[in-house]
Amino acid sequence: MMSRFIRAASFAAAIACVSAPAMAADDPSLFTVGAGLWDVNFNYDHQVLEGRFEFQSGLGLFETDSFGGLKPMVGLMANTLGSKFVYGGFASPFDLGGNRRWYFTPSAGVGAYSRGAGLDLGGTFEFHLGVNLSYAVTERSRVGLYLTHISNAGINGHNPGENSLLLTWAFAL
């Protein structure tokens, strides 16, 4: 089980980093720390705390003057029940209003999930979807709300999915 987890985590990290040399850097890379509630769709009788770290590259694929591109990202989630999720994928930040204050950032990726004493999501291989709304409190840091979803998208017979709501702080590297 652990070797499948390690292989899937390595695959997720490789996806996020494979195209970095061919990209242009207009935006800074961001490191995000998040804390909040795991399973806001109430699969448990009580709420569980979650912590998350995420790195988003400042380098982007398909960047144009009006589109910030697809930014490679990698992340790690852990909760108080011992569940862990390591993932990689892409984020696409949008500057709302063009004033570099409010950002809307959808993200998607794949990763490896280890249940611990937490929710059975149906398997090790899972998908990540997220939306983050953040505000730039300085030129180099943002605070935000991050709604995330982890699911196997029905590729396994059991697929309850899981949603998290986090308060985030991101800072430029």
C-alpha atoms as a PDB file:
ATOM      1  CA  MET A   1       0.000   0.000   0.000  1.00  0.00           C
ATOM      2  CA  MET A   2       2.751   2.471   0.944  1.00  0.00           C
ATOM      3  CA  SER A   3       4.732   1.766  -2.250  1.00  0.00           C
ATOM      4  CA  ARG A   4       1.604   2.566  -4.322  1.00  0.00           C
ATOM      5  CA  PHE A   5       1.295   5.796  -2.333  1.00  0.00           C
ATOM      6  CA  ILE A   6       4.936   6.713  -3.012  1.00  0.00           C
ATOM      7  CA  ARG A   7       4.659   5.883  -6.740  1.00  0.00           C
ATOM      8  CA  ALA A   8       1.469   7.935  -7.097  1.00  0.00           C
ATOM      9  CA  ALA A   9       2.986  10.860  -5.171  1.00  0.00           C
ATOM     10  CA  SER A  10       6.082  10.789  -7.395  1.00  0.00           C
ATOM     11  CA  PHE A  11       3.870  10.766 -10.492  1.00  0.00           C
ATOM     12  CA  ALA A  12       1.898  13.776  -9.213  1.00  0.00           C
ATOM     13  CA  ALA A  13       5.077  15.748  -8.526  1.00  0.00           C
ATOM     14  CA  ALA A  14       6.467  14.909 -11.969  1.00  0.00           C
ATOM     15  CA  ILE A  15       3.292  16.155 -13.694  1.00  0.00           C
ATOM     16  CA  ALA A  16       3.566  19.504 -11.935  1.00  0.00           C
ATOM     17  CA  CYS A  17       7.231  20.019 -12.806  1.00  0.00           C
ATOM     18  CA  VAL A  18       7.657  18.437 -16.255  1.00  0.00           C
ATOM     19  CA  SER A  19       7.304  21.613 -18.327  1.00  0.00           C
ATOM     20  CA  ALA A  20       8.942  24.231 -16.086  1.00  0.00           C
ATOM     21  CA  PRO A  21      12.024  24.922 -18.281  1.00  0.00           C
ATOM     22  CA  ALA A  22       9.914  26.078 -21.246  1.00  0.00           C
ATOM     23  CA  MET A  23       7.913  28.690 -19.336  1.00  0.00           C
ATOM     24  CA  ALA A  24       8.216  32.417 -18.773  1.00  0.00           C
ATOM     25  CA  ALA A  25       8.103  33.964 -15.278  1.00  0.00           C
ATOM     26  CA  ASP A  26       6.023  37.114 -14.848  1.00  0.00           C
ATOM     27  CA  ASP A  27       4.476  36.213 -11.493  1.00  0.00           C
ATOM     28  CA  PRO A  28       6.311  35.193  -8.341  1.00  0.00           C
ATOM     29  CA  SER A  29       6.176  31.624  -7.122  1.00  0.00           C
ATOM     30  CA  LEU A  30       3.866  31.265  -4.114  1.00  0.00           C
ATOM     31  CA  PHE A  31       4.043  29.125  -1.007  1.00  0.00           C
ATOM     32  CA  THR A  32       0.639  28.733   0.652  1.00  0.00           C
ATOM     33  CA  VAL A  33      -0.159  27.571   4.178  1.00  0.00           C
ATOM     34  CA  GLY A  34      -3.772  26.666   4.914  1.00  0.00           C
ATOM     35  CA  ALA A  35      -5.772  25.530   7.927  1.00  0.00           C
ATOM     36  CA  GLY A  36      -9.436  24.696   8.187  1.00  0.00           C
ATOM     37  CA  LEU A  37     -12.081  22.006   8.187  1.00  0.00           C
ATOM     38  CA  TRP A  38     -11.782  18.614   6.506  1.00  0.00           C
ATOM     39  CA  ASP A  39     -15.014  17.095   5.242  1.00  0.00           C
ATOM     40  CA  VAL A  40     -17.339  20.092   5.155  1.00  0.00           C
ATOM     41  CA  ASN A  41     -19.869  17.823   3.393  1.00  0.00           C
ATOM     42  CA  PHE A  42     -20.360  16.032   6.758  1.00  0.00           C
ATOM     43  CA  ASN A  43     -19.416  12.410   6.063  1.00  0.00           C
ATOM     44  CA  TYR A  44     -18.525  12.301   9.784  1.00  0.00           C
ATOM     45  CA  ASP A  45     -20.591  13.184  12.851  1.00  0.00           C
ATOM     46  CA  HIS A  46     -17.977  15.782  13.789  1.00  0.00           C
ATOM     47  CA  GLN A  47     -15.613  18.071  11.943  1.00  0.00           C
ATOM     48  CA  VAL A  48     -11.879  17.331  11.644  1.00  0.00           C
ATOM     49  CA  LEU A  49      -9.056  19.872  11.332  1.00  0.00           C
ATOM     50  CA  GLU A  50      -6.899  19.982   8.218  1.00  0.00           C
ATOM     51  CA  GLY A  51      -3.577  21.586   7.379  1.00  0.00           C
ATOM     52  CA  ARG A  52      -2.241  22.098   3.883  1.00  0.00           C
ATOM     53  CA  PHE A  53       0.962  23.300   2.229  1.00  0.00           C
ATOM     54  CA  GLU A  54       1.046  24.169  -1.456  1.00  0.00           C
ATOM     55  CA  PHE A  55       3.712  25.475  -3.822  1.00  0.00           C
ATOM     56  CA  GLN A  56       2.642  27.236  -7.034  1.00  0.00           C
ATOM     57  CA  SER A  57       5.289  28.079  -9.591  1.00  0.00           C
ATOM     58  CA  GLY A  58       5.511  31.582 -10.999  1.00  0.00           C
ATOM     59  CA  LEU A  59       6.259  29.984 -14.363  1.00  0.00           C
ATOM     60  CA  GLY A  60       3.219  29.350 -16.536  1.00  0.00           C
ATOM     61  CA  LEU A  61       2.219  27.436 -19.621  1.00  0.00           C
ATOM     62  CA  PHE A  62       0.225  29.226 -22.343  1.00  0.00           C
ATOM     63  CA  GLU A  63       0.658  32.700 -20.833  1.00  0.00           C
ATOM     64  CA  THR A  64      -0.696  35.678 -22.801  1.00  0.00           C
ATOM     65  CA  ASP A  65      -1.293  39.339 -21.988  1.00  0.00           C
ATOM     66  CA  SER A  66      -4.818  38.504 -20.792  1.00  0.00           C
ATOM     67  CA  PHE A  67      -4.261  34.977 -19.416  1.00  0.00           C
ATOM     68  CA  GLY A  68      -1.797  34.207 -16.627  1.00  0.00           C
ATOM     69  CA  GLY A  69      -1.328  30.651 -17.821  1.00  0.00           C
ATOM     70  CA  LEU A  70      -1.351  27.290 -16.124  1.00  0.00           C
ATOM     71  CA  LYS A  71       1.018  27.353 -13.146  1.00  0.00           C
ATOM     72  CA  PRO A  72       2.458  23.996 -12.011  1.00  0.00           C
ATOM     73  CA  MET A  73       1.715  23.252  -8.362  1.00  0.00           C
ATOM     74  CA  VAL A  74       2.397  20.581  -5.751  1.00  0.00           C
ATOM     75  CA  GLY A  75       0.742  20.177  -2.377  1.00  0.00           C
ATOM     76  CA  LEU A  76       0.443  18.177   0.801  1.00  0.00           C
ATOM     77  CA  MET A  77      -2.678  17.834   2.956  1.00  0.00           C
ATOM     78  CA  ALA A  78      -2.899  16.178   6.378  1.00  0.00           C
ATOM     79  CA  ASN A  79      -5.721  16.029   8.896  1.00  0.00           C
ATOM     80  CA  THR A  80      -6.084  15.184  12.573  1.00  0.00           C
ATOM     81  CA  LEU A  81      -7.243  11.634  11.719  1.00  0.00           C
ATOM     82  CA  GLY A  82      -3.924  10.837  10.043  1.00  0.00           C
ATOM     83  CA  SER A  83      -5.157  11.086   6.456  1.00  0.00           C
ATOM     84  CA  LYS A  84      -2.630  12.458   3.966  1.00  0.00           C
ATOM     85  CA  PHE A  85      -2.877  13.561   0.342  1.00  0.00           C
ATOM     86  CA  VAL A  86       0.126  14.457  -1.838  1.00  0.00           C
ATOM     87  CA  TYR A  87      -0.756  15.944  -5.217  1.00  0.00           C
ATOM     88  CA  GLY A  88       0.469  17.796  -8.245  1.00  0.00           C
ATOM     89  CA  GLY A  89      -1.279  19.649 -11.022  1.00  0.00           C
ATOM     90  CA  PHE A  90      -1.914  23.124 -12.346  1.00  0.00           C
ATOM     91  CA  ALA A  91      -3.437  26.357 -11.031  1.00  0.00           C
ATOM     92  CA  SER A  92      -4.654  29.278 -13.105  1.00  0.00           C
ATOM     93  CA  PRO A  93      -4.718  32.593 -11.192  1.00  0.00           C
ATOM     94  CA  PHE A  94      -6.996  35.352 -12.445  1.00  0.00           C
ATOM     95  CA  ASP A  95      -6.450  38.959 -11.354  1.00  0.00           C
ATOM     96  CA  LEU A  96     -10.000  40.176 -10.689  1.00  0.00           C
ATOM     97  CA  GLY A  97     -10.371  43.787 -11.756  1.00  0.00           C
ATOM     98  CA  GLY A  98      -6.804  44.084 -13.051  1.00  0.00           C
ATOM     99  CA  ASN A  99      -5.546  45.870  -9.930  1.00  0.00           C
ATOM    100  CA  ARG A 100      -3.477  42.947  -8.544  1.00  0.00           C
ATOM    101  CA  ARG A 101      -5.471  42.898  -5.275  1.00  0.00           C
ATOM    102  CA  TRP A 102      -8.175  40.213  -5.663  1.00  0.00           C
ATOM    103  CA  TYR A 103      -7.323  36.834  -7.178  1.00  0.00           C
ATOM    104  CA  PHE A 104      -9.504  33.907  -8.183  1.00  0.00           C
ATOM    105  CA  THR A 105      -7.470  30.721  -8.655  1.00  0.00           C
ATOM    106  CA  PRO A 106      -9.007  27.430  -9.814  1.00  0.00           C
ATOM    107  CA  SER A 107      -6.739  24.381  -9.645  1.00  0.00           C
ATOM    108  CA  ALA A 108      -6.786  20.723 -10.636  1.00  0.00           C
ATOM    109  CA  GLY A 109      -4.452  17.788 -10.234  1.00  0.00           C
ATOM    110  CA  VAL A 110      -3.899  14.165  -9.309  1.00  0.00           C
ATOM    111  CA  GLY A 111      -2.339  12.605  -6.275  1.00  0.00           C
ATOM    112  CA  ALA A 112      -1.968   9.843  -3.739  1.00  0.00           C
ATOM    113  CA  TYR A 113      -4.241   9.530  -0.704  1.00  0.00           C
ATOM    114  CA  SER A 114      -3.482   7.620   2.481  1.00  0.00           C
ATOM    115  CA  ARG A 115      -6.548   7.096   4.679  1.00  0.00           C
ATOM    116  CA  GLY A 116      -5.045   6.809   8.155  1.00  0.00           C
ATOM    117  CA  ALA A 117      -8.087   6.701  10.489  1.00  0.00           C
ATOM    118  CA  GLY A 118      -9.975   9.046   8.138  1.00  0.00           C
ATOM    119  CA  LEU A 119     -12.513   8.738   5.377  1.00  0.00           C
ATOM    120  CA  ASP A 120     -12.313   5.853   2.880  1.00  0.00           C
ATOM    121  CA  LEU A 121     -12.222   7.650  -0.473  1.00  0.00           C
ATOM    122  CA  GLY A 122     -12.139   4.414  -2.459  1.00  0.00           C
ATOM    123  CA  GLY A 123      -8.446   4.143  -3.316  1.00  0.00           C
ATOM    124  CA  THR A 124      -4.969   5.649  -3.338  1.00  0.00           C
ATOM    125  CA  PHE A 125      -5.239   7.442  -6.722  1.00  0.00           C
ATOM    126  CA  GLU A 126      -7.429  10.553  -6.322  1.00  0.00           C
ATOM    127  CA  PHE A 127      -8.148  13.803  -8.131  1.00  0.00           C
ATOM    128  CA  HIS A 128      -7.853  17.289  -6.629  1.00  0.00           C
ATOM    129  CA  LEU A 129     -10.043  20.268  -7.548  1.00  0.00           C
ATOM    130  CA  GLY A 130      -9.908  23.622  -5.806  1.00  0.00           C
ATOM    131  CA  VAL A 131     -10.952  27.252  -5.975  1.00  0.00           C
ATOM    132  CA  ASN A 132      -9.203  29.952  -3.997  1.00  0.00           C
ATOM    133  CA  LEU A 133     -10.355  33.537  -3.556  1.00  0.00           C
ATOM    134  CA  SER A 134      -7.585  35.675  -2.112  1.00  0.00           C
ATOM    135  CA  TYR A 135      -6.750  39.291  -1.352  1.00  0.00           C
ATOM    136  CA  ALA A 136      -3.242  40.754  -1.643  1.00  0.00           C
ATOM    137  CA  VAL A 137      -2.567  42.406   1.721  1.00  0.00           C
ATOM    138  CA  THR A 138       0.906  43.393   0.476  1.00  0.00           C
ATOM    139  CA  GLU A 139       2.674  43.028  -2.862  1.00  0.00           C
ATOM    140  CA  ARG A 140       4.173  39.736  -1.622  1.00  0.00           C
ATOM    141  CA  SER A 141       1.429  38.125   0.487  1.00  0.00           C
ATOM    142  CA  ARG A 142      -2.239  37.162   0.218  1.00  0.00           C
ATOM    143  CA  VAL A 143      -4.942  35.882   2.536  1.00  0.00           C
ATOM    144  CA  GLY A 144      -7.768  33.813   1.159  1.00  0.00           C
ATOM    145  CA  LEU A 145     -10.464  31.164   1.369  1.00  0.00           C
ATOM    146  CA  TYR A 146      -9.796  27.847  -0.358  1.00  0.00           C
ATOM    147  CA  LEU A 147     -12.489  25.287  -1.145  1.00  0.00           C
ATOM    148  CA  THR A 148     -11.040  21.928  -2.220  1.00  0.00           C
ATOM    149  CA  HIS A 149     -12.444  18.593  -3.357  1.00  0.00           C
ATOM    150  CA  ILE A 150     -10.746  15.179  -3.354  1.00  0.00           C
ATOM    151  CA  SER A 151     -12.413  12.324  -5.255  1.00  0.00           C
ATOM    152  CA  ASN A 152     -11.594   9.305  -7.378  1.00  0.00           C
ATOM    153  CA  ALA A 153     -14.134  10.542  -9.971  1.00  0.00           C
ATOM    154  CA  GLY A 154     -15.959   7.228  -9.933  1.00  0.00           C
ATOM    155  CA  ILE A 155     -13.048   5.085 -11.151  1.00  0.00           C
ATOM    156  CA  ASN A 156     -13.473   2.980  -7.993  1.00  0.00           C
ATOM    157  CA  GLY A 157     -16.794   1.521  -6.841  1.00  0.00           C
ATOM    158  CA  HIS A 158     -16.711   3.560  -3.618  1.00  0.00           C
ATOM    159  CA  ASN A 159     -16.495   7.342  -4.173  1.00  0.00           C
ATOM    160  CA  PRO A 160     -17.828   9.535  -1.341  1.00  0.00           C
ATOM    161  CA  GLY A 161     -15.577  12.498  -2.207  1.00  0.00           C
ATOM    162  CA  GLU A 162     -14.407  15.000   0.374  1.00  0.00           C
ATOM    163  CA  ASN A 163     -14.580  18.787   0.548  1.00  0.00           C
ATOM    164  CA  SER A 164     -12.440  21.084   2.685  1.00  0.00           C
ATOM    165  CA  LEU A 165     -12.700  24.771   3.518  1.00  0.00           C
ATOM    166  CA  LEU A 166      -9.462  26.505   4.492  1.00  0.00           C
ATOM    167  CA  LEU A 167      -8.195  29.915   5.491  1.00  0.00           C
ATOM    168  CA  THR A 168      -4.936  30.482   3.590  1.00  0.00           C
ATOM    169  CA  TRP A 169      -1.908  32.683   3.711  1.00  0.00           C
ATOM    170  CA  ALA A 170       0.288  32.786   0.608  1.00  0.00           C
ATOM    171  CA  PHE A 171       3.617  34.513   0.303  1.00  0.00           C
ATOM    172  CA  ALA A 172       5.887  35.129  -2.666  1.00  0.00           C
ATOM    173  CA  LEU A 173       9.202  33.305  -2.839  1.00  0.00           C
END
